Every structure is written in structure tokens, then in C-alpha cells.
């Protein structure tokens, strides 16, 4: 009986810790605005849940992984991008990887 209580306590503790874990989200869309001084990118996309157009602000960090880009300075308004981002408890996105889509092919970020 005592072992069952210990197992239940451990499961509850584990589930509690997992709730704070950030989930990665793939955001595909068009760069609507870019402010490198503020390390912020705004992406316009079609919401997967509603089908309506939405704008998402994504914070940029120096550690972001770039695919097909030499630097963040190569990004420009109108670029089609795929951004892998984590979302914190307050709902803010932080980019972990960015890839610019080439006109002849779709995004391949994985």
C-alpha cells in the first residue's frame, strides 16, 4: 500500500513539472514586419484552428538557428518563412529556427 502512495505522488509531481514545459510550434507565413533593433518579427498566416488570417509576433534571439540564411539581416518584409518557435506561459513566441522558403519549393524545416 505504501508503494502505491509513493507511485501516485511521483506521477502527480511528474505531471505538474510537465505543465511548465514549452511546446514547439511550426509557424508558416509571410513576414509582415521586421524590427531587428527590437529583435521582433511579425508573421501573417492563416490560423490552423479558425482559417482566418492572423498576425503573430515572434521574438528573435542571437541563438536562433537559420536555414538558408547567413544572418538575420537577410530577412525582409514579404519573405515566406517557416519558424519553429516555443511559446511561454504568457503566450509569447520565441523563435528557435527560421527558414526562408524558396519560390519553387515549400518549407522543409524539421
C-alpha atoms as a PDB file:
ATOM      1  CA  UNK A   1       0.000   0.000   0.000  1.00  0.00           C
ATOM      2  CA  UNK A   2       2.817   2.401   0.838  1.00  0.00           C
ATOM      3  CA  UNK A   3       4.444   1.810  -2.573  1.00  0.00           C
ATOM      4  CA  UNK A   4       1.216   2.780  -4.333  1.00  0.00           C
ATOM      5  CA  UNK A   5       1.102   6.095  -2.487  1.00  0.00           C
ATOM      6  CA  UNK A   6       4.696   6.795  -3.461  1.00  0.00           C
ATOM      7  CA  UNK A   7       3.952   5.992  -7.111  1.00  0.00           C
ATOM      8  CA  UNK A   8       0.890   8.264  -7.109  1.00  0.00           C
ATOM      9  CA  UNK A   9       2.869  11.124  -5.556  1.00  0.00           C
ATOM     10  CA  UNK A  10       5.636  10.685  -8.144  1.00  0.00           C
ATOM     11  CA  UNK A  11       3.122  10.676 -11.019  1.00  0.00           C
ATOM     12  CA  UNK A  12       1.453  13.853  -9.757  1.00  0.00           C
ATOM     13  CA  UNK A  13       4.836  15.541  -9.356  1.00  0.00           C
ATOM     14  CA  UNK A  14       5.893  14.487 -12.860  1.00  0.00           C
ATOM     15  CA  UNK A  15       2.682  15.766 -14.450  1.00  0.00           C
ATOM     16  CA  UNK A  16       2.998  19.053 -12.586  1.00  0.00           C
ATOM     17  CA  UNK A  17       6.528  19.559 -13.899  1.00  0.00           C
ATOM     18  CA  UNK A  18       5.469  18.767 -17.477  1.00  0.00           C
ATOM     19  CA  UNK A  19       2.828  21.509 -17.475  1.00  0.00           C
ATOM     20  CA  UNK A  20       5.538  24.190 -17.460  1.00  0.00           C
ATOM     21  CA  UNK A  21       7.368  22.702 -20.447  1.00  0.00           C
ATOM     22  CA  UNK A  22       7.232  24.893 -23.574  1.00  0.00           C
ATOM     23  CA  UNK A  23       5.875  23.269 -26.698  1.00  0.00           C
ATOM     24  CA  UNK A  24       7.386  23.957 -30.105  1.00  0.00           C
ATOM     25  CA  UNK A  25       5.097  25.260 -32.822  1.00  0.00           C
ATOM     26  CA  UNK A  26       5.714  25.487 -36.547  1.00  0.00           C
ATOM     27  CA  UNK A  27       4.578  28.846 -37.899  1.00  0.00           C
ATOM     28  CA  UNK A  28       4.345  29.209 -41.691  1.00  0.00           C
ATOM     29  CA  UNK A  29       3.529  32.574 -43.172  1.00  0.00           C
ATOM     30  CA  UNK A  30       4.744  35.873 -44.577  1.00  0.00           C
ATOM     31  CA  UNK A  31       6.925  38.406 -42.789  1.00  0.00           C
ATOM     32  CA  UNK A  32       4.649  41.421 -42.295  1.00  0.00           C
ATOM     33  CA  UNK A  33       7.182  43.471 -40.342  1.00  0.00           C
ATOM     34  CA  UNK A  34      10.703  43.093 -39.042  1.00  0.00           C
ATOM     35  CA  UNK A  35      12.392  45.111 -36.299  1.00  0.00           C
ATOM     36  CA  UNK A  36      15.926  43.801 -35.785  1.00  0.00           C
ATOM     37  CA  UNK A  37      16.707  46.519 -33.221  1.00  0.00           C
ATOM     38  CA  UNK A  38      13.851  45.228 -31.042  1.00  0.00           C
ATOM     39  CA  UNK A  39      14.535  41.584 -32.055  1.00  0.00           C
ATOM     40  CA  UNK A  40      10.924  41.175 -33.171  1.00  0.00           C
ATOM     41  CA  UNK A  41       9.321  39.607 -36.242  1.00  0.00           C
ATOM     42  CA  UNK A  42       5.622  39.786 -37.153  1.00  0.00           C
ATOM     43  CA  UNK A  43       4.293  36.951 -39.294  1.00  0.00           C
ATOM     44  CA  UNK A  44       0.938  36.900 -41.073  1.00  0.00           C
ATOM     45  CA  UNK A  45      -0.541  33.439 -41.540  1.00  0.00           C
ATOM     46  CA  UNK A  46      -3.803  31.564 -41.877  1.00  0.00           C
ATOM     47  CA  UNK A  47      -4.780  30.242 -38.447  1.00  0.00           C
ATOM     48  CA  UNK A  48      -4.876  26.425 -38.426  1.00  0.00           C
ATOM     49  CA  UNK A  49      -7.746  26.489 -35.919  1.00  0.00           C
ATOM     50  CA  UNK A  50     -10.033  29.189 -37.381  1.00  0.00           C
ATOM     51  CA  UNK A  51      -8.967  29.547 -41.029  1.00  0.00           C
ATOM     52  CA  UNK A  52      -8.798  33.327 -40.570  1.00  0.00           C
ATOM     53  CA  UNK A  53      -5.749  35.464 -41.243  1.00  0.00           C
ATOM     54  CA  UNK A  54      -3.810  36.347 -38.090  1.00  0.00           C
ATOM     55  CA  UNK A  55      -0.617  38.165 -37.165  1.00  0.00           C
ATOM     56  CA  UNK A  56       1.836  36.663 -34.691  1.00  0.00           C
ATOM     57  CA  UNK A  57       4.722  38.449 -33.029  1.00  0.00           C
ATOM     58  CA  UNK A  58       7.807  36.301 -32.622  1.00  0.00           C
ATOM     59  CA  UNK A  59      10.839  37.332 -30.561  1.00  0.00           C
ATOM     60  CA  UNK A  60      14.256  36.763 -32.132  1.00  0.00           C
ATOM     61  CA  UNK A  61      17.386  35.830 -30.237  1.00  0.00           C
ATOM     62  CA  UNK A  62      21.026  35.659 -31.367  1.00  0.00           C
ATOM     63  CA  UNK A  63      20.869  31.869 -30.805  1.00  0.00           C
ATOM     64  CA  UNK A  64      18.128  31.284 -33.400  1.00  0.00           C
ATOM     65  CA  UNK A  65      19.074  28.645 -35.990  1.00  0.00           C
ATOM     66  CA  UNK A  66      18.997  29.983 -39.545  1.00  0.00           C
ATOM     67  CA  UNK A  67      18.373  27.690 -42.508  1.00  0.00           C
ATOM     68  CA  UNK A  68      19.276  29.072 -45.890  1.00  0.00           C
ATOM     69  CA  UNK A  69      20.298  32.410 -44.383  1.00  0.00           C
ATOM     70  CA  UNK A  70      23.671  33.760 -43.366  1.00  0.00           C
ATOM     71  CA  UNK A  71      22.254  36.232 -40.847  1.00  0.00           C
ATOM     72  CA  UNK A  72      19.015  37.760 -39.589  1.00  0.00           C
ATOM     73  CA  UNK A  73      19.831  40.861 -41.647  1.00  0.00           C
ATOM     74  CA  UNK A  74      18.991  38.860 -44.804  1.00  0.00           C
ATOM     75  CA  UNK A  75      15.328  38.598 -43.759  1.00  0.00           C
ATOM     76  CA  UNK A  76      12.960  41.093 -45.371  1.00  0.00           C
ATOM     77  CA  UNK A  77       9.301  42.017 -45.350  1.00  0.00           C
ATOM     78  CA  UNK A  78       7.347  39.787 -47.741  1.00  0.00           C
ATOM     79  CA  UNK A  79       9.567  36.706 -47.300  1.00  0.00           C
ATOM     80  CA  UNK A  80       7.698  33.414 -46.933  1.00  0.00           C
ATOM     81  CA  UNK A  81       9.078  31.703 -43.820  1.00  0.00           C
ATOM     82  CA  UNK A  82       8.723  28.705 -41.599  1.00  0.00           C
ATOM     83  CA  UNK A  83       9.555  29.496 -37.995  1.00  0.00           C
ATOM     84  CA  UNK A  84       9.953  26.928 -35.257  1.00  0.00           C
ATOM     85  CA  UNK A  85       9.031  28.693 -32.026  1.00  0.00           C
ATOM     86  CA  UNK A  86       8.438  27.902 -28.393  1.00  0.00           C
ATOM     87  CA  UNK A  87       5.571  29.561 -26.564  1.00  0.00           C
ATOM     88  CA  UNK A  88       5.850  30.608 -22.939  1.00  0.00           C
ATOM     89  CA  UNK A  89       3.126  30.621 -20.285  1.00  0.00           C
ATOM     90  CA  UNK A  90       2.052  34.147 -21.250  1.00  0.00           C
ATOM     91  CA  UNK A  91       1.566  33.101 -24.897  1.00  0.00           C
ATOM     92  CA  UNK A  92       4.608  34.879 -26.321  1.00  0.00           C
ATOM     93  CA  UNK A  93       6.570  33.148 -29.095  1.00  0.00           C
ATOM     94  CA  UNK A  94      10.381  32.851 -29.165  1.00  0.00           C
ATOM     95  CA  UNK A  95      11.926  31.717 -32.461  1.00  0.00           C
ATOM     96  CA  UNK A  96      14.263  28.723 -32.237  1.00  0.00           C
ATOM     97  CA  UNK A  97      14.723  28.263 -36.026  1.00  0.00           C
ATOM     98  CA  UNK A  98      13.878  30.229 -39.169  1.00  0.00           C
ATOM     99  CA  UNK A  99      13.858  29.108 -42.800  1.00  0.00           C
ATOM    100  CA  UNK A 100      13.004  31.260 -45.815  1.00  0.00           C
ATOM    101  CA  UNK A 101      11.018  29.361 -48.429  1.00  0.00           C
ATOM    102  CA  UNK A 102      12.325  29.486 -51.967  1.00  0.00           C
ATOM    103  CA  UNK A 103       9.687  30.336 -54.603  1.00  0.00           C
ATOM    104  CA  UNK A 104       9.931  26.930 -56.303  1.00  0.00           C
ATOM    105  CA  UNK A 105       9.679  24.792 -53.172  1.00  0.00           C
ATOM    106  CA  UNK A 106       7.792  24.616 -49.908  1.00  0.00           C
ATOM    107  CA  UNK A 107       9.327  24.835 -46.429  1.00  0.00           C
ATOM    108  CA  UNK A 108      11.417  21.894 -45.229  1.00  0.00           C
ATOM    109  CA  UNK A 109      12.196  22.840 -41.611  1.00  0.00           C
ATOM    110  CA  UNK A 110      12.248  19.779 -39.363  1.00  0.00           C
END
